[in-house]
Amino acid sequence: MSTFSIFLVLITIVCFLLIVVIMVQNPKGGGLSSTIGGSQMLGGVQKTTDFLDKSTWTLATILIALILLSSLSFTGTLSDTDSKIIDNMGTSAPNTTTPVAVPAQNTPAATNPVK
């Protein structure tokens, strides 16, 4: 497994986690904070909002770093240089016996004015 494939798997996992964290949040304050139901769990509503905010920024930073690192590890092995069609076109000589079609010249039609 190449390093680029490893980066793709990590990017996919981080994207999934980022989607989950963003979907848990509610801009009107009714997300995860309202379903907990009090200050007994997870240190209260304010701490939950702080945790979701910090985790969003952390996951976004990790995602950007993984994307930049994956672009550095990409070797370009998926290019079209190994294509058999390009190899076949390069080895065959151009066909010089077939005449090239010449486009017909367009002459304007004579117009008769209507009286």
Protein backbone atom coordinates (compact mmCIF):
# COMPACT_ATOMS: atom_id res chain seq x y z
CA MET A 1 0.00 0.00 0.00
CA SER A 2 1.52 3.31 -1.08
CA THR A 3 1.77 6.37 1.13
CA PHE A 4 -0.71 8.17 -1.11
CA SER A 5 -3.30 5.44 -0.43
CA ILE A 6 -2.68 5.75 3.30
CA PHE A 7 -3.24 9.51 3.07
CA LEU A 8 -6.49 8.92 1.14
CA VAL A 9 -7.79 6.63 3.88
CA LEU A 10 -6.82 9.13 6.60
CA ILE A 11 -8.42 12.02 4.69
CA THR A 12 -11.63 10.01 4.33
CA ILE A 13 -11.74 9.25 8.06
CA VAL A 14 -11.09 12.89 9.00
CA CYS A 15 -13.79 14.06 6.56
CA PHE A 16 -16.31 11.67 8.11
CA LEU A 17 -15.45 12.85 11.64
CA LEU A 18 -15.66 16.49 10.55
CA ILE A 19 -19.11 15.90 9.05
CA VAL A 20 -20.29 14.25 12.28
CA VAL A 21 -18.97 17.08 14.46
CA ILE A 22 -20.53 19.74 12.24
CA MET A 23 -23.89 17.94 12.10
CA VAL A 24 -23.99 17.66 15.91
CA GLN A 25 -23.73 21.43 16.21
CA ASN A 26 -26.79 23.61 15.84
CA PRO A 27 -26.31 27.32 15.15
CA LYS A 28 -29.33 28.18 17.31
CA GLY A 29 -28.03 26.37 20.36
CA GLY A 30 -30.23 23.29 20.06
CA GLY A 31 -27.65 20.71 18.99
CA LEU A 32 -25.87 18.34 21.32
CA SER A 33 -26.03 20.94 24.07
CA SER A 34 -29.81 20.75 24.35
CA THR A 35 -29.99 16.94 24.32
CA ILE A 36 -27.63 16.52 27.26
CA GLY A 37 -30.15 18.08 29.62
CA GLY A 38 -28.18 19.74 32.36
CA SER A 39 -24.82 20.60 33.79
CA GLN A 40 -24.21 17.15 35.31
CA MET A 41 -22.97 15.57 32.08
CA LEU A 42 -19.76 16.47 30.24
CA GLY A 43 -19.13 19.54 32.33
CA GLY A 44 -22.16 21.52 31.21
CA VAL A 45 -23.48 23.11 28.06
CA GLN A 46 -20.73 25.69 27.71
CA LYS A 47 -17.98 23.06 27.86
CA THR A 48 -19.79 20.98 25.22
CA THR A 49 -19.95 23.96 22.88
CA ASP A 50 -16.26 24.69 23.48
CA PHE A 51 -15.36 21.06 22.81
CA LEU A 52 -17.34 20.98 19.55
CA ASP A 53 -15.80 24.27 18.42
CA LYS A 54 -12.24 23.14 19.20
CA SER A 55 -12.76 19.74 17.60
CA THR A 56 -14.10 21.37 14.41
CA TRP A 57 -11.04 23.60 14.08
CA THR A 58 -8.67 20.75 14.96
CA LEU A 59 -10.19 18.37 12.41
CA ALA A 60 -10.18 21.10 9.74
CA THR A 61 -6.48 21.79 10.41
CA ILE A 62 -5.66 18.07 10.28
CA LEU A 63 -7.58 17.75 7.01
CA ILE A 64 -5.64 20.60 5.37
CA ALA A 65 -2.33 19.18 6.59
CA LEU A 66 -3.19 15.71 5.27
CA ILE A 67 -4.17 17.13 1.88
CA LEU A 68 -0.90 19.04 1.61
CA LEU A 69 1.15 16.02 2.68
CA SER A 70 -0.68 13.74 0.25
CA SER A 71 0.09 16.08 -2.63
CA LEU A 72 3.77 15.85 -1.72
CA SER A 73 3.65 12.05 -1.63
CA PHE A 74 1.86 11.73 -4.98
CA THR A 75 4.31 10.27 -7.51
CA GLY A 76 2.22 10.68 -10.63
CA THR A 77 2.12 6.99 -11.53
CA LEU A 78 -1.44 7.33 -12.78
CA SER A 79 -0.48 9.36 -15.83
CA ASP A 80 -1.22 8.47 -19.45
CA THR A 81 2.41 7.88 -20.38
CA ASP A 82 1.94 4.11 -20.15
CA SER A 83 -1.10 4.04 -22.41
CA LYS A 84 -1.06 1.41 -25.14
CA ILE A 85 -3.01 3.66 -27.47
CA ILE A 86 -0.30 6.30 -27.32
CA ASP A 87 2.37 3.62 -27.83
CA ASN A 88 0.56 2.24 -30.89
CA MET A 89 0.15 5.69 -32.39
CA GLY A 90 3.81 6.43 -31.91
CA THR A 91 5.03 3.24 -33.62
CA SER A 92 2.82 3.33 -36.70
CA ALA A 93 3.92 5.47 -39.61
CA PRO A 94 1.49 8.06 -40.87
CA ASN A 95 -0.61 6.88 -43.79
CA THR A 96 0.54 8.90 -46.79
CA THR A 97 -1.47 7.02 -49.44
CA THR A 98 -4.89 8.21 -48.29
CA PRO A 99 -5.85 11.56 -49.81
CA VAL A 100 -6.90 14.28 -47.47
CA ALA A 101 -10.43 15.59 -48.00
CA VAL A 102 -10.51 19.20 -49.12
CA PRO A 103 -13.53 21.17 -47.95
CA ALA A 104 -15.76 22.53 -50.73
CA GLN A 105 -15.69 26.24 -51.31
CA ASN A 106 -18.90 27.98 -50.45
CA THR A 107 -20.05 30.42 -53.12
CA PRO A 108 -22.85 32.78 -52.30
CA ALA A 109 -26.10 31.95 -54.06
CA ALA A 110 -27.50 34.51 -56.47
CA THR A 111 -30.37 36.30 -54.90
CA ASN A 112 -33.22 37.74 -56.93
CA PRO A 113 -34.94 40.67 -55.31
CA VAL A 114 -38.65 40.17 -54.89
CA LYS A 115 -40.80 42.94 -56.35
